[in-house]
């Protein structure tokens, strides 16, 4: 079994952030977390503070990030299970542009003394 961080970048449809966040937190997270391999999730909203550095990173176009903790042998099986659990249950408050997704595995541990 391998530990993964599954990062999902999303946007709400224009002007529908409140509806999007309500759906995401009250339905979508529950659907995704019902997949056995997914152990936890944490959501973030892109900061708008004035010190935010400019970037050319395409992920900067996204306003929301969810980081899932996953324990699995095969991430493609996890994606298939998510697809089954969420089939027909995606809100139209989710932007029509596809989310950006990335899988990460641990590369090392930093320690402070």
PDB file of N, CA and C in Angstrom:
ATOM      1  N   UNK A   1       0.849  -1.175   0.000  1.00  0.00           N
ATOM      2  CA  UNK A   1       0.000   0.000   0.000  1.00  0.00           C
ATOM      3  C   UNK A   1       0.897   1.242   0.000  1.00  0.00           C
ATOM      4  N   UNK A   2       0.585   2.179  -0.849  1.00  0.00           N
ATOM      5  CA  UNK A   2       1.351   3.419  -0.953  1.00  0.00           C
ATOM      6  C   UNK A   2       0.503   4.584  -0.444  1.00  0.00           C
ATOM      7  N   UNK A   3       1.155   5.517   0.242  1.00  0.00           N
ATOM      8  CA  UNK A   3       0.480   6.738   0.691  1.00  0.00           C
ATOM      9  C   UNK A   3       0.627   7.801  -0.383  1.00  0.00           C
ATOM     10  N   UNK A   4      -0.486   8.423  -0.731  1.00  0.00           N
ATOM     11  CA  UNK A   4      -0.504   9.475  -1.730  1.00  0.00           C
ATOM     12  C   UNK A   4      -1.156  10.726  -1.159  1.00  0.00           C
ATOM     13  N   UNK A   5      -0.784  11.855  -1.730  1.00  0.00           N
ATOM     14  CA  UNK A   5      -1.537  13.099  -1.607  1.00  0.00           C
ATOM     15  C   UNK A   5      -2.142  13.301  -2.991  1.00  0.00           C
ATOM     16  N   UNK A   6      -3.459  13.415  -3.026  1.00  0.00           N
ATOM     17  CA  UNK A   6      -4.176  13.625  -4.281  1.00  0.00           C
ATOM     18  C   UNK A   6      -4.679  15.062  -4.257  1.00  0.00           C
ATOM     19  N   UNK A   7      -4.130  15.911  -5.132  1.00  0.00           N
ATOM     20  CA  UNK A   7      -4.475  17.324  -5.175  1.00  0.00           C
ATOM     21  C   UNK A   7      -5.471  17.572  -6.292  1.00  0.00           C
ATOM     22  N   UNK A   8      -6.566  18.233  -5.947  1.00  0.00           N
ATOM     23  CA  UNK A   8      -7.608  18.544  -6.917  1.00  0.00           C
ATOM     24  C   UNK A   8      -7.864  20.048  -6.888  1.00  0.00           C
ATOM     25  N   UNK A   9      -7.566  20.714  -8.002  1.00  0.00           N
ATOM     26  CA  UNK A   9      -7.787  22.147  -8.147  1.00  0.00           C
ATOM     27  C   UNK A   9      -9.102  22.358  -8.894  1.00  0.00           C
ATOM     28  N   UNK A  10      -9.962  23.227  -8.359  1.00  0.00           N
ATOM     29  CA  UNK A  10     -11.267  23.466  -8.972  1.00  0.00           C
ATOM     30  C   UNK A  10     -11.624  24.947  -8.930  1.00  0.00           C
ATOM     31  N   UNK A  11     -12.665  25.287  -9.661  1.00  0.00           N
ATOM     32  CA  UNK A  11     -13.283  26.612  -9.621  1.00  0.00           C
ATOM     33  C   UNK A  11     -14.786  26.449  -9.573  1.00  0.00           C
ATOM     34  N   UNK A  12     -15.416  27.442  -8.987  1.00  0.00           N
ATOM     35  CA  UNK A  12     -16.869  27.531  -9.042  1.00  0.00           C
ATOM     36  C   UNK A  12     -17.260  28.153 -10.382  1.00  0.00           C
ATOM     37  N   UNK A  13     -18.463  27.859 -10.831  1.00  0.00           N
ATOM     38  CA  UNK A  13     -19.004  28.563 -11.987  1.00  0.00           C
ATOM     39  C   UNK A  13     -19.092  30.047 -11.623  1.00  0.00           C
ATOM     40  N   UNK A  14     -19.004  30.896 -12.602  1.00  0.00           N
ATOM     41  CA  UNK A  14     -18.984  32.347 -12.363  1.00  0.00           C
ATOM     42  C   UNK A  14     -20.144  32.788 -11.475  1.00  0.00           C
ATOM     43  N   UNK A  15     -19.793  33.474 -10.381  1.00  0.00           N
ATOM     44  CA  UNK A  15     -20.787  34.031  -9.475  1.00  0.00           C
ATOM     45  C   UNK A  15     -21.494  33.019  -8.583  1.00  0.00           C
ATOM     46  N   UNK A  16     -21.008  31.769  -8.540  1.00  0.00           N
ATOM     47  CA  UNK A  16     -21.721  30.719  -7.795  1.00  0.00           C
ATOM     48  C   UNK A  16     -20.867  30.086  -6.707  1.00  0.00           C
ATOM     49  N   UNK A  17     -19.932  30.855  -6.157  1.00  0.00           N
ATOM     50  CA  UNK A  17     -19.033  30.318  -5.134  1.00  0.00           C
ATOM     51  C   UNK A  17     -19.784  29.770  -3.924  1.00  0.00           C
ATOM     52  N   UNK A  18     -20.754  30.486  -3.431  1.00  0.00           N
ATOM     53  CA  UNK A  18     -21.483  30.023  -2.240  1.00  0.00           C
ATOM     54  C   UNK A  18     -22.171  28.686  -2.504  1.00  0.00           C
ATOM     55  N   UNK A  19     -22.846  28.577  -3.633  1.00  0.00           N
ATOM     56  CA  UNK A  19     -23.530  27.334  -3.997  1.00  0.00           C
ATOM     57  C   UNK A  19     -22.522  26.196  -4.190  1.00  0.00           C
ATOM     58  N   UNK A  20     -21.408  26.507  -4.862  1.00  0.00           N
ATOM     59  CA  UNK A  20     -20.354  25.526  -5.095  1.00  0.00           C
ATOM     60  C   UNK A  20     -19.807  24.999  -3.765  1.00  0.00           C
ATOM     61  N   UNK A  21     -19.467  25.900  -2.854  1.00  0.00           N
ATOM     62  CA  UNK A  21     -18.905  25.484  -1.566  1.00  0.00           C
ATOM     63  C   UNK A  21     -19.898  24.688  -0.731  1.00  0.00           C
ATOM     64  N   UNK A  22     -21.152  25.063  -0.772  1.00  0.00           N
ATOM     65  CA  UNK A  22     -22.174  24.306  -0.033  1.00  0.00           C
ATOM     66  C   UNK A  22     -22.271  22.883  -0.581  1.00  0.00           C
ATOM     67  N   UNK A  23     -22.351  22.747  -1.912  1.00  0.00           N
ATOM     68  CA  UNK A  23     -22.406  21.413  -2.526  1.00  0.00           C
ATOM     69  C   UNK A  23     -21.143  20.624  -2.205  1.00  0.00           C
ATOM     70  N   UNK A  24     -19.978  21.256  -2.347  1.00  0.00           N
ATOM     71  CA  UNK A  24     -18.716  20.548  -2.149  1.00  0.00           C
ATOM     72  C   UNK A  24     -18.631  19.991  -0.728  1.00  0.00           C
ATOM     73  N   UNK A  25     -18.981  20.817   0.241  1.00  0.00           N
ATOM     74  CA  UNK A  25     -18.840  20.404   1.639  1.00  0.00           C
ATOM     75  C   UNK A  25     -19.973  19.511   2.131  1.00  0.00           C
ATOM     76  N   UNK A  26     -21.189  19.714   1.629  1.00  0.00           N
ATOM     77  CA  UNK A  26     -22.312  18.928   2.148  1.00  0.00           C
ATOM     78  C   UNK A  26     -22.565  17.638   1.371  1.00  0.00           C
ATOM     79  N   UNK A  27     -22.106  17.566   0.124  1.00  0.00           N
ATOM     80  CA  UNK A  27     -22.347  16.344  -0.657  1.00  0.00           C
ATOM     81  C   UNK A  27     -21.061  15.745  -1.222  1.00  0.00           C
ATOM     82  N   UNK A  28     -20.317  16.526  -1.964  1.00  0.00           N
ATOM     83  CA  UNK A  28     -19.193  15.968  -2.723  1.00  0.00           C
ATOM     84  C   UNK A  28     -18.117  15.350  -1.828  1.00  0.00           C
ATOM     85  N   UNK A  29     -17.725  16.057  -0.775  1.00  0.00           N
ATOM     86  CA  UNK A  29     -16.701  15.482   0.105  1.00  0.00           C
ATOM     87  C   UNK A  29     -17.159  14.159   0.695  1.00  0.00           C
ATOM     88  N   UNK A  30     -18.405  14.070   1.099  1.00  0.00           N
ATOM     89  CA  UNK A  30     -18.935  12.813   1.638  1.00  0.00           C
ATOM     90  C   UNK A  30     -18.898  11.694   0.612  1.00  0.00           C
ATOM     91  N   UNK A  31     -19.256  12.017  -0.634  1.00  0.00           N
ATOM     92  CA  UNK A  31     -19.208  11.007  -1.700  1.00  0.00           C
ATOM     93  C   UNK A  31     -17.780  10.505  -1.899  1.00  0.00           C
ATOM     94  N   UNK A  32     -16.836  11.427  -1.981  1.00  0.00           N
ATOM     95  CA  UNK A  32     -15.448  11.040  -2.229  1.00  0.00           C
ATOM     96  C   UNK A  32     -14.865  10.307  -1.022  1.00  0.00           C
ATOM     97  N   UNK A  33     -15.146  10.802   0.181  1.00  0.00           N
ATOM     98  CA  UNK A  33     -14.604  10.156   1.386  1.00  0.00           C
ATOM     99  C   UNK A  33     -15.227   8.787   1.651  1.00  0.00           C
ATOM    100  N   UNK A  34     -16.300   8.446   0.957  1.00  0.00           N
ATOM    101  CA  UNK A  34     -16.881   7.107   1.122  1.00  0.00           C
ATOM    102  C   UNK A  34     -16.058   6.039   0.400  1.00  0.00           C
ATOM    103  N   UNK A  35     -15.089   6.461  -0.408  1.00  0.00           N
ATOM    104  CA  UNK A  35     -14.157   5.529  -1.051  1.00  0.00           C
ATOM    105  C   UNK A  35     -13.152   5.094   0.008  1.00  0.00           C
ATOM    106  N   UNK A  36     -13.053   3.790   0.254  1.00  0.00           N
ATOM    107  CA  UNK A  36     -12.227   3.267   1.345  1.00  0.00           C
ATOM    108  C   UNK A  36     -10.787   3.759   1.328  1.00  0.00           C
ATOM    109  N   UNK A  37     -10.203   3.900   0.162  1.00  0.00           N
ATOM    110  CA  UNK A  37      -8.788   4.289   0.063  1.00  0.00           C
ATOM    111  C   UNK A  37      -8.544   5.737   0.476  1.00  0.00           C
ATOM    112  N   UNK A  38      -9.594   6.548   0.480  1.00  0.00           N
ATOM    113  CA  UNK A  38      -9.434   7.965   0.812  1.00  0.00           C
ATOM    114  C   UNK A  38      -9.654   8.138   2.309  1.00  0.00           C
ATOM    115  N   UNK A  39      -8.603   8.574   2.986  1.00  0.00           N
ATOM    116  CA  UNK A  39      -8.603   8.622   4.449  1.00  0.00           C
ATOM    117  C   UNK A  39      -9.033   9.965   5.012  1.00  0.00           C
ATOM    118  N   UNK A  40      -8.733  11.058   4.322  1.00  0.00           N
ATOM    119  CA  UNK A  40      -9.123  12.376   4.811  1.00  0.00           C
ATOM    120  C   UNK A  40      -9.009  13.384   3.674  1.00  0.00           C
ATOM    121  N   UNK A  41      -9.563  14.576   3.929  1.00  0.00           N
ATOM    122  CA  UNK A  41      -9.501  15.647   2.940  1.00  0.00           C
ATOM    123  C   UNK A  41      -9.418  16.983   3.668  1.00  0.00           C
ATOM    124  N   UNK A  42      -8.756  17.922   3.030  1.00  0.00           N
ATOM    125  CA  UNK A  42      -8.676  19.276   3.557  1.00  0.00           C
ATOM    126  C   UNK A  42      -8.804  20.240   2.383  1.00  0.00           C
ATOM    127  N   UNK A  43      -9.687  21.240   2.535  1.00  0.00           N
ATOM    128  CA  UNK A  43      -9.933  22.210   1.458  1.00  0.00           C
ATOM    129  C   UNK A  43      -9.253  23.532   1.743  1.00  0.00           C
ATOM    130  N   UNK A  44      -8.892  24.200   0.646  1.00  0.00           N
ATOM    131  CA  UNK A  44      -8.255  25.506   0.732  1.00  0.00           C
ATOM    132  C   UNK A  44      -8.841  26.427  -0.336  1.00  0.00           C
ATOM    133  N   UNK A  45      -8.828  27.718  -0.034  1.00  0.00           N
ATOM    134  CA  UNK A  45      -9.199  28.741  -1.008  1.00  0.00           C
ATOM    135  C   UNK A  45      -7.949  29.577  -1.273  1.00  0.00           C
ATOM    136  N   UNK A  46      -7.711  29.928  -2.518  1.00  0.00           N
ATOM    137  CA  UNK A  46      -6.531  30.707  -2.873  1.00  0.00           C
ATOM    138  C   UNK A  46      -6.553  32.045  -2.143  1.00  0.00           C
ATOM    139  N   UNK A  47      -5.443  32.376  -1.558  1.00  0.00           N
ATOM    140  CA  UNK A  47      -5.323  33.621  -0.809  1.00  0.00           C
ATOM    141  C   UNK A  47      -5.306  34.817  -1.757  1.00  0.00           C
ATOM    142  N   UNK A  48      -5.889  35.902  -1.308  1.00  0.00           N
ATOM    143  CA  UNK A  48      -5.897  37.131  -2.107  1.00  0.00           C
ATOM    144  C   UNK A  48      -5.081  38.234  -1.436  1.00  0.00           C
ATOM    145  N   UNK A  49      -4.262  37.867  -0.461  1.00  0.00           N
ATOM    146  CA  UNK A  49      -3.499  38.904   0.242  1.00  0.00           C
ATOM    147  C   UNK A  49      -2.569  39.620  -0.730  1.00  0.00           C
ATOM    148  N   UNK A  50      -2.231  40.901  -0.440  1.00  0.00           N
ATOM    149  CA  UNK A  50      -1.439  41.692  -1.379  1.00  0.00           C
ATOM    150  C   UNK A  50      -0.024  41.156  -1.607  1.00  0.00           C
ATOM    151  N   UNK A  51       0.487  40.312  -0.730  1.00  0.00           N
ATOM    152  CA  UNK A  51       1.827  39.766  -0.899  1.00  0.00           C
ATOM    153  C   UNK A  51       1.873  38.528  -1.770  1.00  0.00           C
ATOM    154  N   UNK A  52       0.741  38.146  -2.347  1.00  0.00           N
ATOM    155  CA  UNK A  52       0.687  36.957  -3.204  1.00  0.00           C
ATOM    156  C   UNK A  52       1.596  37.184  -4.413  1.00  0.00           C
ATOM    157  N   UNK A  53       2.625  36.360  -4.597  1.00  0.00           N
ATOM    158  CA  UNK A  53       3.539  36.593  -5.718  1.00  0.00           C
ATOM    159  C   UNK A  53       2.885  36.273  -7.054  1.00  0.00           C
ATOM    160  N   UNK A  54       3.288  37.001  -8.100  1.00  0.00           N
ATOM    161  CA  UNK A  54       2.771  36.681  -9.434  1.00  0.00           C
ATOM    162  C   UNK A  54       3.330  35.326  -9.865  1.00  0.00           C
ATOM    163  N   UNK A  55       2.588  34.631 -10.685  1.00  0.00           N
ATOM    164  CA  UNK A  55       3.027  33.315 -11.118  1.00  0.00           C
ATOM    165  C   UNK A  55       2.538  33.029 -12.530  1.00  0.00           C
ATOM    166  N   UNK A  56       3.272  32.189 -13.226  1.00  0.00           N
ATOM    167  CA  UNK A  56       2.859  31.711 -14.537  1.00  0.00           C
ATOM    168  C   UNK A  56       2.287  30.303 -14.439  1.00  0.00           C
ATOM    169  N   UNK A  57       2.203  29.780 -13.219  1.00  0.00           N
ATOM    170  CA  UNK A  57       1.717  28.424 -12.986  1.00  0.00           C
ATOM    171  C   UNK A  57       0.245  28.321 -13.373  1.00  0.00           C
ATOM    172  N   UNK A  58      -0.116  27.383 -14.243  1.00  0.00           N
ATOM    173  CA  UNK A  58      -1.524  27.227 -14.634  1.00  0.00           C
ATOM    174  C   UNK A  58      -2.440  26.937 -13.446  1.00  0.00           C
ATOM    175  N   UNK A  59      -1.911  26.324 -12.394  1.00  0.00           N
ATOM    176  CA  UNK A  59      -2.739  26.042 -11.216  1.00  0.00           C
ATOM    177  C   UNK A  59      -3.206  27.330 -10.548  1.00  0.00           C
ATOM    178  N   UNK A  60      -2.518  28.445 -10.806  1.00  0.00           N
ATOM    179  CA  UNK A  60      -2.909  29.726 -10.210  1.00  0.00           C
ATOM    180  C   UNK A  60      -4.259  30.207 -10.732  1.00  0.00           C
ATOM    181  N   UNK A  61      -4.732  29.652 -11.829  1.00  0.00           N
ATOM    182  CA  UNK A  61      -6.041  30.016 -12.362  1.00  0.00           C
ATOM    183  C   UNK A  61      -7.167  29.419 -11.518  1.00  0.00           C
ATOM    184  N   UNK A  62      -6.845  28.487 -10.658  1.00  0.00           N
ATOM    185  CA  UNK A  62      -7.846  27.833  -9.815  1.00  0.00           C
ATOM    186  C   UNK A  62      -7.956  28.545  -8.472  1.00  0.00           C
ATOM    187  N   UNK A  63      -9.170  28.626  -7.971  1.00  0.00           N
ATOM    188  CA  UNK A  63      -9.418  29.298  -6.703  1.00  0.00           C
ATOM    189  C   UNK A  63      -9.488  28.330  -5.518  1.00  0.00           C
ATOM    190  N   UNK A  64      -9.727  27.056  -5.773  1.00  0.00           N
ATOM    191  CA  UNK A  64      -9.902  26.083  -4.695  1.00  0.00           C
ATOM    192  C   UNK A  64      -8.967  24.898  -4.880  1.00  0.00           C
ATOM    193  N   UNK A  65      -8.526  24.375  -3.765  1.00  0.00           N
ATOM    194  CA  UNK A  65      -7.662  23.197  -3.742  1.00  0.00           C
ATOM    195  C   UNK A  65      -8.168  22.264  -2.651  1.00  0.00           C
ATOM    196  N   UNK A  66      -8.311  20.997  -2.977  1.00  0.00           N
ATOM    197  CA  UNK A  66      -8.590  19.973  -1.974  1.00  0.00           C
ATOM    198  C   UNK A  66      -7.438  18.983  -2.011  1.00  0.00           C
ATOM    199  N   UNK A  67      -6.915  18.672  -0.818  1.00  0.00           N
ATOM    200  CA  UNK A  67      -5.836  17.694  -0.701  1.00  0.00           C
ATOM    201  C   UNK A  67      -6.399  16.479   0.025  1.00  0.00           C
ATOM    202  N   UNK A  68      -6.386  15.353  -0.676  1.00  0.00           N
ATOM    203  CA  UNK A  68      -6.883  14.098  -0.117  1.00  0.00           C
ATOM    204  C   UNK A  68      -5.701  13.227   0.297  1.00  0.00           C
ATOM    205  N   UNK A  69      -5.808  12.595   1.453  1.00  0.00           N
ATOM    206  CA  UNK A  69      -4.847  11.580   1.885  1.00  0.00           C
ATOM    207  C   UNK A  69      -5.383  10.234   1.434  1.00  0.00           C
ATOM    208  N   UNK A  70      -4.575   9.523   0.656  1.00  0.00           N
ATOM    209  CA  UNK A  70      -5.011   8.274   0.037  1.00  0.00           C
ATOM    210  C   UNK A  70      -4.009   7.169   0.365  1.00  0.00           C
ATOM    211  N   UNK A  71      -4.538   5.994   0.675  1.00  0.00           N
ATOM    212  CA  UNK A  71      -3.728   4.781   0.858  1.00  0.00           C
ATOM    213  C   UNK A  71      -4.230   3.775  -0.168  1.00  0.00           C
ATOM    214  N   UNK A  72      -3.386   3.474  -1.168  1.00  0.00           N
ATOM    215  CA  UNK A  72      -3.844   2.600  -2.250  1.00  0.00           C
ATOM    216  C   UNK A  72      -2.668   1.948  -2.951  1.00  0.00           C
ATOM    217  N   UNK A  73      -2.955   0.832  -3.609  1.00  0.00           N
ATOM    218  CA  UNK A  73      -1.973   0.192  -4.465  1.00  0.00           C
ATOM    219  C   UNK A  73      -1.995   0.799  -5.865  1.00  0.00           C
ATOM    220  N   UNK A  74      -3.187   1.200  -6.323  1.00  0.00           N
ATOM    221  CA  UNK A  74      -3.344   1.666  -7.695  1.00  0.00           C
ATOM    222  C   UNK A  74      -4.248   2.898  -7.736  1.00  0.00           C
ATOM    223  N   UNK A  75      -3.684   4.091  -7.952  1.00  0.00           N
ATOM    224  CA  UNK A  75      -4.503   5.304  -8.014  1.00  0.00           C
ATOM    225  C   UNK A  75      -5.593   5.268  -9.081  1.00  0.00           C
ATOM    226  N   UNK A  76      -5.389   4.531 -10.175  1.00  0.00           N
ATOM    227  CA  UNK A  76      -6.429   4.479 -11.205  1.00  0.00           C
ATOM    228  C   UNK A  76      -7.686   3.797 -10.677  1.00  0.00           C
ATOM    229  N   UNK A  77      -7.523   2.837  -9.773  1.00  0.00           N
ATOM    230  CA  UNK A  77      -8.693   2.209  -9.149  1.00  0.00           C
ATOM    231  C   UNK A  77      -9.422   3.190  -8.236  1.00  0.00           C
ATOM    232  N   UNK A  78      -8.664   4.037  -7.561  1.00  0.00           N
ATOM    233  CA  UNK A  78      -9.267   5.064  -6.696  1.00  0.00           C
ATOM    234  C   UNK A  78     -10.075   6.037  -7.550  1.00  0.00           C
ATOM    235  N   UNK A  79      -9.506   6.474  -8.669  1.00  0.00           N
ATOM    236  CA  UNK A  79     -10.225   7.384  -9.560  1.00  0.00           C
ATOM    237  C   UNK A  79     -11.507   6.749 -10.087  1.00  0.00           C
ATOM    238  N   UNK A  80     -11.449   5.473 -10.423  1.00  0.00           N
ATOM    239  CA  UNK A  80     -12.647   4.774 -10.904  1.00  0.00           C
ATOM    240  C   UNK A  80     -13.709   4.729  -9.807  1.00  0.00           C
ATOM    241  N   UNK A  81     -13.298   4.465  -8.574  1.00  0.00           N
ATOM    242  CA  UNK A  81     -14.243   4.415  -7.452  1.00  0.00           C
ATOM    243  C   UNK A  81     -14.857   5.795  -7.202  1.00  0.00           C
ATOM    244  N   UNK A  82     -14.053   6.840  -7.296  1.00  0.00           N
ATOM    245  CA  UNK A  82     -14.583   8.198  -7.144  1.00  0.00           C
ATOM    246  C   UNK A  82     -15.612   8.470  -8.240  1.00  0.00           C
ATOM    247  N   UNK A  83     -15.282   8.092  -9.459  1.00  0.00           N
ATOM    248  CA  UNK A  83     -16.208   8.279 -10.573  1.00  0.00           C
ATOM    249  C   UNK A  83     -17.542   7.592 -10.342  1.00  0.00           C
ATOM    250  N   UNK A  84     -17.500   6.381  -9.808  1.00  0.00           N
ATOM    251  CA  UNK A  84     -18.734   5.650  -9.516  1.00  0.00           C
ATOM    252  C   UNK A  84     -19.550   6.326  -8.414  1.00  0.00           C
ATOM    253  N   UNK A  85     -18.869   6.769  -7.362  1.00  0.00           N
ATOM    254  CA  UNK A  85     -19.559   7.389  -6.218  1.00  0.00           C
ATOM    255  C   UNK A  85     -20.152   8.749  -6.552  1.00  0.00           C
ATOM    256  N   UNK A  86     -19.557   9.454  -7.511  1.00  0.00           N
ATOM    257  CA  UNK A  86     -20.011  10.814  -7.814  1.00  0.00           C
ATOM    258  C   UNK A  86     -20.834  10.896  -9.097  1.00  0.00           C
ATOM    259  N   UNK A  87     -21.016   9.780  -9.764  1.00  0.00           N
ATOM    260  CA  UNK A  87     -21.743   9.743 -11.038  1.00  0.00           C
ATOM    261  C   UNK A  87     -23.144  10.339 -10.867  1.00  0.00           C
ATOM    262  N   UNK A  88     -23.435  11.347 -11.666  1.00  0.00           N
ATOM    263  CA  UNK A  88     -24.742  11.987 -11.619  1.00  0.00           C
ATOM    264  C   UNK A  88     -24.940  12.902 -10.414  1.00  0.00           C
ATOM    265  N   UNK A  89     -23.883  13.134  -9.641  1.00  0.00           N
ATOM    266  CA  UNK A  89     -24.015  13.928  -8.420  1.00  0.00           C
ATOM    267  C   UNK A  89     -23.093  15.157  -8.432  1.00  0.00           C
ATOM    268  N   UNK A  90     -22.676  15.579  -9.617  1.00  0.00           N
ATOM    269  CA  UNK A  90     -21.810  16.754  -9.741  1.00  0.00           C
ATOM    270  C   UNK A  90     -22.684  17.982  -9.962  1.00  0.00           C
ATOM    271  N   UNK A  91     -22.475  18.996  -9.157  1.00  0.00           N
ATOM    272  CA  UNK A  91     -23.265  20.223  -9.234  1.00  0.00           C
ATOM    273  C   UNK A  91     -22.888  21.048 -10.455  1.00  0.00           C
ATOM    274  N   UNK A  92     -23.876  21.719 -11.033  1.00  0.00           N
ATOM    275  CA  UNK A  92     -23.563  22.631 -12.127  1.00  0.00           C
ATOM    276  C   UNK A  92     -22.953  23.939 -11.607  1.00  0.00           C
ATOM    277  N   UNK A  93     -22.789  24.046 -10.288  1.00  0.00           N
ATOM    278  CA  UNK A  93     -22.064  25.183  -9.701  1.00  0.00           C
ATOM    279  C   UNK A  93     -20.556  24.983  -9.816  1.00  0.00           C
ATOM    280  N   UNK A  94     -20.128  23.780 -10.203  1.00  0.00           N
ATOM    281  CA  UNK A  94     -18.721  23.512 -10.501  1.00  0.00           C
ATOM    282  C   UNK A  94     -18.441  24.048 -11.897  1.00  0.00           C
ATOM    283  N   UNK A  95     -17.354  24.789 -12.047  1.00  0.00           N
ATOM    284  CA  UNK A  95     -16.990  25.351 -13.341  1.00  0.00           C
ATOM    285  C   UNK A  95     -16.924  24.256 -14.394  1.00  0.00           C
ATOM    286  N   UNK A  96     -17.321  24.584 -15.610  1.00  0.00           N
ATOM    287  CA  UNK A  96     -17.344  23.598 -16.696  1.00  0.00           C
ATOM    288  C   UNK A  96     -15.938  23.171 -17.128  1.00  0.00           C
ATOM    289  N   UNK A  97     -14.928  24.012 -16.890  1.00  0.00           N
ATOM    290  CA  UNK A  97     -13.550  23.626 -17.207  1.00  0.00           C
ATOM    291  C   UNK A  97     -13.148  22.478 -16.291  1.00  0.00           C
ATOM    292  N   UNK A  98     -12.460  21.491 -16.815  1.00  0.00           N
ATOM    293  CA  UNK A  98     -12.114  20.344 -15.967  1.00  0.00           C
ATOM    294  C   UNK A  98     -11.171  20.740 -14.836  1.00  0.00           C
ATOM    295  N   UNK A  99     -11.323  20.084 -13.688  1.00  0.00           N
ATOM    296  CA  UNK A  99     -10.374  20.338 -12.604  1.00  0.00           C
ATOM    297  C   UNK A  99      -8.979  19.863 -13.012  1.00  0.00           C
ATOM    298  N   UNK A 100      -7.990  20.370 -12.323  1.00  0.00           N
ATOM    299  CA  UNK A 100      -6.619  19.901 -12.501  1.00  0.00           C
ATOM    300  C   UNK A 100      -6.324  18.965 -11.341  1.00  0.00           C
ATOM    301  N   UNK A 101      -5.797  17.780 -11.623  1.00  0.00           N
ATOM    302  CA  UNK A 101      -5.509  16.812 -10.566  1.00  0.00           C
ATOM    303  C   UNK A 101      -4.063  16.360 -10.648  1.00  0.00           C
ATOM    304  N   UNK A 102      -3.473  16.076  -9.486  1.00  0.00           N
ATOM    305  CA  UNK A 102      -2.097  15.596  -9.409  1.00  0.00           C
ATOM    306  C   UNK A 102      -1.976  14.624  -8.247  1.00  0.00           C
ATOM    307  N   UNK A 103      -1.178  13.601  -8.450  1.00  0.00           N
ATOM    308  CA  UNK A 103      -0.864  12.630  -7.405  1.00  0.00           C
ATOM    309  C   UNK A 103       0.578  12.854  -6.952  1.00  0.00           C
ATOM    310  N   UNK A 104       0.791  12.801  -5.641  1.00  0.00           N
ATOM    311  CA  UNK A 104       2.134  12.928  -5.082  1.00  0.00           C
ATOM    312  C   UNK A 104       2.392  11.792  -4.106  1.00  0.00           C
ATOM    313  N   UNK A 105       3.638  11.346  -4.049  1.00  0.00           N
ATOM    314  CA  UNK A 105       4.081  10.426  -3.010  1.00  0.00           C
ATOM    315  C   UNK A 105       5.192  11.118  -2.234  1.00  0.00           C
ATOM    316  N   UNK A 106       5.446  10.626  -1.043  1.00  0.00           N
ATOM    317  CA  UNK A 106       6.439  11.267  -0.181  1.00  0.00           C
ATOM    318  C   UNK A 106       7.823  11.189  -0.806  1.00  0.00           C
ATOM    319  N   UNK A 107       8.533  12.312  -0.744  1.00  0.00           N
ATOM    320  CA  UNK A 107       9.882  12.382  -1.300  1.00  0.00           C
ATOM    321  C   UNK A 107      10.934  12.465  -0.202  1.00  0.00           C
ATOM    322  N   UNK A 108      10.514  12.651   1.012  1.00  0.00           N
ATOM    323  CA  UNK A 108      11.440  12.790   2.123  1.00  0.00           C
ATOM    324  C   UNK A 108      10.775  13.550   3.256  1.00  0.00           C
ATOM    325  N   UNK A 109      11.458  13.604   4.358  1.00  0.00           N
ATOM    326  CA  UNK A 109      10.896  14.276   5.515  1.00  0.00           C
ATOM    327  C   UNK A 109      11.889  15.326   6.004  1.00  0.00           C
ATOM    328  N   UNK A 110      11.391  16.508   6.241  1.00  0.00           N
ATOM    329  CA  UNK A 110      12.223  17.584   6.782  1.00  0.00           C
ATOM    330  C   UNK A 110      12.045  17.597   8.296  1.00  0.00           C
ATOM    331  N   UNK A 111      13.130  17.755   8.981  1.00  0.00           N
ATOM    332  CA  UNK A 111      13.075  17.784  10.446  1.00  0.00           C
ATOM    333  C   UNK A 111      13.704  19.084  10.935  1.00  0.00           C
ATOM    334  N   UNK A 112      13.103  19.621  11.964  1.00  0.00           N
ATOM    335  CA  UNK A 112      13.709  20.771  12.635  1.00  0.00           C
ATOM    336  C   UNK A 112      14.203  20.302  14.004  1.00  0.00           C
ATOM    337  N   UNK A 113      15.247  20.914  14.478  1.00  0.00           N
ATOM    338  CA  UNK A 113      15.795  20.455  15.757  1.00  0.00           C
ATOM    339  C   UNK A 113      15.176  21.184  16.926  1.00  0.00           C
TER     340      UNK A 113
END
